[in-house]
N, C-alpha and C. Protein backbone atom coordinates (compact mmCIF):
# COMPACT_ATOMS: atom_id res chain seq x y z
N MET A 1 -0.64 0.01 -26.25
CA MET A 1 -1.34 -0.57 -25.24
C MET A 1 -1.54 -0.34 -23.14
N ARG A 2 -0.37 -0.45 -22.83
CA ARG A 2 0.29 -0.06 -21.62
C ARG A 2 -0.29 1.49 -21.47
N ALA A 3 -0.42 2.33 -22.45
CA ALA A 3 -0.70 3.58 -22.10
C ALA A 3 -2.33 3.98 -22.51
N ALA A 4 -3.22 3.20 -22.91
CA ALA A 4 -4.55 3.27 -22.98
C ALA A 4 -5.21 2.57 -22.20
N ALA A 5 -4.13 1.28 -21.43
CA ALA A 5 -4.98 0.55 -20.20
C ALA A 5 -5.03 1.84 -19.03
N GLY A 6 -3.39 2.56 -18.88
CA GLY A 6 -3.23 3.45 -18.16
C GLY A 6 -4.40 4.38 -18.00
N TRP A 7 -4.67 4.75 -19.06
CA TRP A 7 -5.89 6.10 -18.91
C TRP A 7 -7.01 5.73 -18.74
N VAL A 8 -7.18 4.40 -18.94
CA VAL A 8 -8.74 3.88 -19.11
C VAL A 8 -8.97 4.06 -17.07
N CYS A 9 -8.08 3.37 -16.66
CA CYS A 9 -8.13 3.16 -15.03
C CYS A 9 -7.73 4.94 -14.52
N ARG A 10 -7.30 5.50 -14.97
CA ARG A 10 -6.94 7.11 -14.62
C ARG A 10 -8.68 7.82 -14.53
N ALA A 11 -9.40 7.22 -15.65
CA ALA A 11 -10.20 7.82 -16.10
C ALA A 11 -11.65 7.28 -15.78
N GLU A 12 -11.56 6.07 -14.95
CA GLU A 12 -12.53 5.41 -14.65
C GLU A 12 -12.78 5.98 -12.70
N ALA A 13 -11.45 5.91 -12.43
CA ALA A 13 -11.06 6.56 -10.90
C ALA A 13 -11.72 7.77 -11.08
N ALA A 14 -11.54 8.76 -12.17
CA ALA A 14 -11.96 9.87 -11.57
C ALA A 14 -13.20 10.45 -12.49
N GLY A 15 -14.22 9.09 -12.54
CA GLY A 15 -15.47 9.07 -12.96
C GLY A 15 -16.21 9.63 -14.15
N GLU A 16 -15.02 9.35 -15.25
CA GLU A 16 -15.11 9.92 -16.34
C GLU A 16 -14.94 9.41 -17.61
N LEU A 17 -15.88 7.95 -16.83
CA LEU A 17 -15.78 6.76 -18.51
C LEU A 17 -17.57 6.99 -18.99
N GLU A 18 -18.24 7.06 -17.92
CA GLU A 18 -19.66 6.65 -18.60
C GLU A 18 -19.86 7.61 -20.05
N GLY A 19 -20.81 6.43 -20.94
CA GLY A 19 -21.02 7.09 -22.07
C GLY A 19 -20.00 6.77 -22.81
N ASN A 20 -18.76 5.96 -22.93
CA ASN A 20 -17.72 6.07 -23.67
C ASN A 20 -17.28 4.65 -23.35
N THR A 21 -17.96 4.00 -22.60
CA THR A 21 -17.18 2.91 -22.53
C THR A 21 -17.34 1.76 -23.09
N GLY A 22 -18.46 1.85 -24.38
CA GLY A 22 -18.02 0.45 -25.39
C GLY A 22 -17.32 0.28 -25.94
N ALA A 23 -16.40 1.20 -26.61
CA ALA A 23 -15.42 1.46 -27.52
C ALA A 23 -14.11 1.20 -26.66
N LEU A 24 -13.94 1.38 -25.64
CA LEU A 24 -12.62 1.04 -24.89
C LEU A 24 -13.00 0.03 -23.96
N VAL A 25 -14.07 -0.98 -23.74
CA VAL A 25 -13.96 -2.46 -23.40
C VAL A 25 -13.32 -3.39 -25.22
N ALA A 26 -14.09 -2.38 -26.03
CA ALA A 26 -13.64 -3.37 -27.29
C ALA A 26 -12.50 -3.35 -27.46
N GLU A 27 -11.59 -1.79 -27.33
CA GLU A 27 -10.30 -2.34 -27.57
C GLU A 27 -9.57 -2.78 -26.57
N MET A 28 -9.69 -2.81 -25.34
CA MET A 28 -8.94 -3.49 -23.93
C MET A 28 -9.73 -5.07 -24.22
N ARG A 29 -10.32 -5.62 -24.79
CA ARG A 29 -10.71 -6.96 -24.70
C ARG A 29 -9.73 -6.95 -25.92
N GLY A 30 -9.62 -6.50 -27.41
CA GLY A 30 -8.73 -6.63 -28.53
C GLY A 30 -7.54 -6.81 -27.67
N TYR A 31 -6.75 -5.98 -26.86
CA TYR A 31 -5.56 -6.20 -26.65
C TYR A 31 -5.43 -7.40 -25.52
N ILE A 32 -6.15 -7.78 -24.97
CA ILE A 32 -6.29 -8.97 -24.20
C ILE A 32 -6.18 -10.44 -25.10
N CYS A 33 -6.88 -10.48 -26.35
CA CYS A 33 -6.80 -10.99 -27.00
C CYS A 33 -5.54 -11.32 -27.74
N ARG A 34 -4.87 -10.49 -27.89
CA ARG A 34 -3.83 -10.22 -28.72
C ARG A 34 -2.52 -10.83 -27.84
N LEU A 35 -2.57 -9.97 -26.62
CA LEU A 35 -1.57 -10.53 -25.38
C LEU A 35 -1.79 -11.63 -24.74
N VAL A 36 -2.64 -12.15 -24.61
CA VAL A 36 -2.81 -14.16 -23.85
C VAL A 36 -1.70 -14.98 -25.02
N PRO A 37 -1.70 -15.01 -25.76
CA PRO A 37 -0.95 -16.18 -26.85
C PRO A 37 -0.21 -15.81 -26.80
N GLU A 38 0.42 -14.45 -26.49
CA GLU A 38 2.12 -13.89 -27.01
C GLU A 38 2.56 -14.26 -25.59
N VAL A 39 2.18 -14.10 -24.30
CA VAL A 39 2.64 -14.14 -22.81
C VAL A 39 2.68 -15.96 -22.92
N ARG A 40 1.66 -16.77 -23.26
CA ARG A 40 2.13 -18.36 -22.94
C ARG A 40 2.79 -18.66 -24.09
N ALA A 41 3.05 -18.55 -25.10
CA ALA A 41 4.20 -18.55 -26.03
C ALA A 41 5.62 -18.44 -25.26
N LEU A 42 5.30 -17.25 -24.87
CA LEU A 42 6.75 -17.02 -24.38
C LEU A 42 6.92 -17.87 -23.09
N ALA A 43 5.56 -18.05 -22.50
CA ALA A 43 6.21 -19.01 -21.24
C ALA A 43 6.05 -20.11 -21.40
N ARG A 44 5.87 -20.74 -22.62
CA ARG A 44 5.98 -22.06 -23.00
C ARG A 44 7.61 -22.08 -23.22
N GLY A 45 8.26 -21.17 -23.67
CA GLY A 45 9.64 -21.37 -23.99
C GLY A 45 10.57 -21.66 -23.33
N ARG A 46 10.08 -21.23 -21.97
CA ARG A 46 11.30 -21.50 -20.91
C ARG A 46 11.07 -22.83 -20.35
N THR A 47 12.30 -22.97 -19.47
CA THR A 47 12.37 -24.44 -18.58
C THR A 47 11.29 -24.48 -17.75
N SER A 48 10.60 -26.16 -17.71
CA SER A 48 9.96 -26.70 -16.82
C SER A 48 10.09 -26.40 -15.12
N GLY A 49 8.84 -25.43 -14.72
CA GLY A 49 9.24 -24.69 -13.20
C GLY A 49 9.65 -23.41 -12.90
N ASP A 50 10.13 -22.88 -13.69
CA ASP A 50 10.51 -21.41 -13.91
C ASP A 50 9.12 -20.50 -13.65
N VAL A 51 9.73 -20.05 -12.08
CA VAL A 51 8.81 -18.42 -12.03
C VAL A 51 8.03 -17.74 -12.70
N LEU A 52 8.81 -17.43 -13.23
CA LEU A 52 8.29 -15.80 -14.39
C LEU A 52 6.99 -16.24 -14.96
N SER A 53 7.50 -17.86 -15.71
CA SER A 53 6.32 -18.29 -16.69
C SER A 53 5.09 -18.77 -15.72
N ALA A 54 5.44 -19.32 -14.72
CA ALA A 54 3.99 -20.01 -13.78
C ALA A 54 3.27 -18.39 -13.81
N ILE A 55 4.22 -17.09 -13.30
CA ILE A 55 3.26 -16.29 -12.70
C ILE A 55 2.46 -15.18 -14.30
N ALA A 56 3.24 -15.75 -15.43
CA ALA A 56 2.71 -15.72 -16.51
C ALA A 56 1.36 -16.43 -16.97
N SER A 57 1.15 -17.41 -16.89
CA SER A 57 0.44 -18.19 -17.06
C SER A 57 -0.90 -18.20 -16.60
N ILE A 58 -0.81 -17.67 -15.04
CA ILE A 58 -1.68 -17.37 -14.51
C ILE A 58 -1.98 -16.29 -14.79
N GLY A 59 -1.42 -15.11 -14.92
CA GLY A 59 -2.43 -13.66 -15.53
C GLY A 59 -2.96 -13.74 -16.39
N ALA A 60 -2.40 -14.78 -17.52
CA ALA A 60 -2.90 -14.97 -18.84
C ALA A 60 -4.46 -15.89 -18.64
N ASP A 61 -4.41 -16.69 -17.40
CA ASP A 61 -5.53 -17.73 -17.10
C ASP A 61 -7.07 -15.94 -16.53
N GLU A 62 -6.02 -15.70 -15.80
CA GLU A 62 -6.88 -14.53 -14.76
C GLU A 62 -8.09 -13.45 -16.24
N ALA A 63 -6.97 -13.12 -17.08
CA ALA A 63 -7.13 -12.17 -18.51
C ALA A 63 -8.25 -13.26 -19.01
N GLU A 64 -8.31 -14.46 -19.61
CA GLU A 64 -9.20 -15.09 -20.30
C GLU A 64 -10.43 -14.68 -19.46
N ARG A 65 -10.17 -15.24 -17.80
CA ARG A 65 -11.88 -15.15 -17.43
C ARG A 65 -12.31 -14.00 -17.42
N ARG A 66 -11.80 -12.96 -17.22
CA ARG A 66 -12.36 -11.62 -17.33
C ARG A 66 -12.69 -11.21 -18.40
N LEU A 67 -12.53 -11.91 -19.55
CA LEU A 67 -13.24 -12.03 -21.12
C LEU A 67 -14.32 -12.38 -20.94
N GLY A 68 -14.58 -13.38 -20.04
CA GLY A 68 -15.69 -14.22 -20.29
C GLY A 68 -17.00 -13.99 -19.28
N ALA A 69 -16.46 -12.87 -18.18
CA ALA A 69 -17.02 -12.19 -17.43
C ALA A 69 -18.03 -10.48 -18.50
N ARG A 70 -19.07 -10.58 -17.59
CA ARG A 70 -19.76 -9.04 -18.33
C ARG A 70 -20.34 -8.39 -17.14
N PRO A 71 -20.33 -7.08 -17.31
CA PRO A 71 -20.67 -5.88 -16.49
C PRO A 71 -21.93 -6.19 -15.91
N GLY A 72 -22.31 -5.63 -14.68
CA GLY A 72 -23.39 -6.01 -13.69
C GLY A 72 -24.14 -5.00 -13.83
N SER A 73 -25.75 -4.88 -13.41
CA SER A 73 -26.43 -3.97 -14.10
C SER A 73 -26.10 -2.60 -12.76
N GLN A 74 -25.67 -2.49 -11.90
CA GLN A 74 -25.18 -1.04 -11.48
C GLN A 74 -25.34 -0.25 -12.38
N PRO A 75 -25.53 1.56 -12.21
CA PRO A 75 -24.81 2.08 -12.96
C PRO A 75 -23.49 2.62 -13.42
N ASP A 76 -22.60 1.88 -12.84
CA ASP A 76 -21.17 2.66 -12.53
C ASP A 76 -20.56 1.23 -13.48
N ALA A 77 -21.20 0.15 -13.71
CA ALA A 77 -20.87 -1.75 -13.95
C ALA A 77 -20.08 -1.45 -15.23
N HIS A 78 -20.11 -0.91 -16.29
CA HIS A 78 -19.52 -0.96 -17.54
C HIS A 78 -18.18 0.12 -17.45
N SER A 79 -18.18 0.74 -16.66
CA SER A 79 -17.03 1.21 -16.08
C SER A 79 -16.12 0.90 -15.24
N ARG A 80 -16.48 0.09 -14.22
CA ARG A 80 -15.72 -1.00 -13.36
C ARG A 80 -14.95 -2.16 -14.53
N TYR A 81 -16.44 -2.42 -15.61
CA TYR A 81 -15.49 -3.50 -15.91
C TYR A 81 -14.41 -3.01 -17.11
N ALA A 82 -14.40 -1.83 -17.67
CA ALA A 82 -13.66 -1.26 -18.45
C ALA A 82 -12.00 -1.49 -17.69
N ARG A 83 -12.36 -0.85 -16.26
CA ARG A 83 -11.17 -0.85 -15.38
C ARG A 83 -10.44 -2.31 -15.18
N LYS A 84 -11.65 -3.02 -14.76
CA LYS A 84 -10.82 -4.13 -14.81
C LYS A 84 -9.84 -5.22 -15.88
N LEU A 85 -10.56 -4.35 -17.18
CA LEU A 85 -10.11 -5.55 -18.21
C LEU A 85 -8.76 -4.39 -18.88
N ALA A 86 -8.59 -3.19 -18.25
CA ALA A 86 -7.50 -2.20 -18.41
C ALA A 86 -6.96 -2.69 -17.59
N MET A 87 -6.71 -3.25 -16.31
CA MET A 87 -6.00 -3.95 -15.19
C MET A 87 -5.44 -4.94 -15.79
N ALA A 88 -6.18 -5.96 -16.68
CA ALA A 88 -5.29 -7.23 -16.99
C ALA A 88 -4.44 -6.69 -18.21
N VAL A 89 -4.56 -5.48 -18.75
CA VAL A 89 -3.78 -5.47 -20.37
C VAL A 89 -2.40 -4.95 -19.64
N ILE A 90 -2.93 -4.28 -18.50
CA ILE A 90 -1.52 -3.74 -17.77
C ILE A 90 -0.38 -5.47 -17.11
N SER A 91 -1.11 -6.02 -16.19
CA SER A 91 -0.78 -7.18 -16.25
C SER A 91 -0.14 -7.92 -16.91
N LEU A 92 -0.88 -7.98 -18.25
CA LEU A 92 -0.03 -9.43 -19.47
C LEU A 92 0.36 -8.26 -19.86
N CYS A 93 0.72 -6.98 -19.95
CA CYS A 93 2.03 -6.35 -20.63
C CYS A 93 3.54 -6.50 -19.86
N ASP A 94 3.17 -6.67 -18.75
CA ASP A 94 4.39 -6.55 -17.35
C ASP A 94 5.03 -8.00 -17.69
N GLN A 95 3.86 -9.04 -17.61
CA GLN A 95 4.52 -10.42 -17.87
C GLN A 95 5.17 -10.51 -19.50
N HIS A 96 4.93 -9.98 -20.35
CA HIS A 96 5.35 -9.93 -21.62
C HIS A 96 7.25 -9.29 -21.50
N GLU A 97 7.02 -8.24 -20.94
CA GLU A 97 8.03 -7.38 -20.56
C GLU A 97 9.08 -8.57 -19.47
N SER A 98 8.53 -8.73 -18.71
CA SER A 98 9.33 -9.45 -17.55
C SER A 98 9.76 -10.78 -18.30
N LEU A 99 9.20 -12.08 -19.49
CA LEU A 99 9.38 -13.18 -20.00
C LEU A 99 10.57 -12.53 -21.12
N THR A 100 10.67 -11.37 -21.79
CA THR A 100 11.04 -11.41 -23.06
C THR A 100 12.52 -10.47 -22.35
N ARG A 101 12.48 -9.69 -21.19
CA ARG A 101 13.22 -9.54 -20.56
C ARG A 101 14.87 -9.78 -19.80
N THR A 102 14.17 -11.15 -19.05
CA THR A 102 15.19 -11.99 -18.59
C THR A 102 15.44 -13.25 -19.87
N SER A 103 16.35 -13.66 -19.62
CA SER A 103 16.58 -15.27 -20.26
C SER A 103 16.30 -15.87 -19.53
N ALA A 104 15.55 -17.52 -20.10
CA ALA A 104 15.59 -18.54 -19.09
C ALA A 104 16.34 -19.31 -18.69
N PRO A 105 16.33 -19.64 -17.39
CA PRO A 105 17.11 -20.20 -16.33
C PRO A 105 17.78 -21.78 -17.23
């Protein structure tokens, strides 16, 4: 997931995504739909007031907001939208790793 999302970010920065965004957006959306519940479950399993849990919950909220957003009408809007979704995937991967790497206090 992280590698695919990283590729989307690099390709968008290089202007190489146009015409290929539909499948990439669907892939990134699928990753987000899979990661959000996993991150939320890991966060709920930690003690109340845990900082990593709070950060992960905020990241999951933001990823869900991005799922609800739609690309604009500018020529590069679809590639920018794919990059934003990819950045959410990377963030969720980071949160997932943080929550599984550390034990709850």
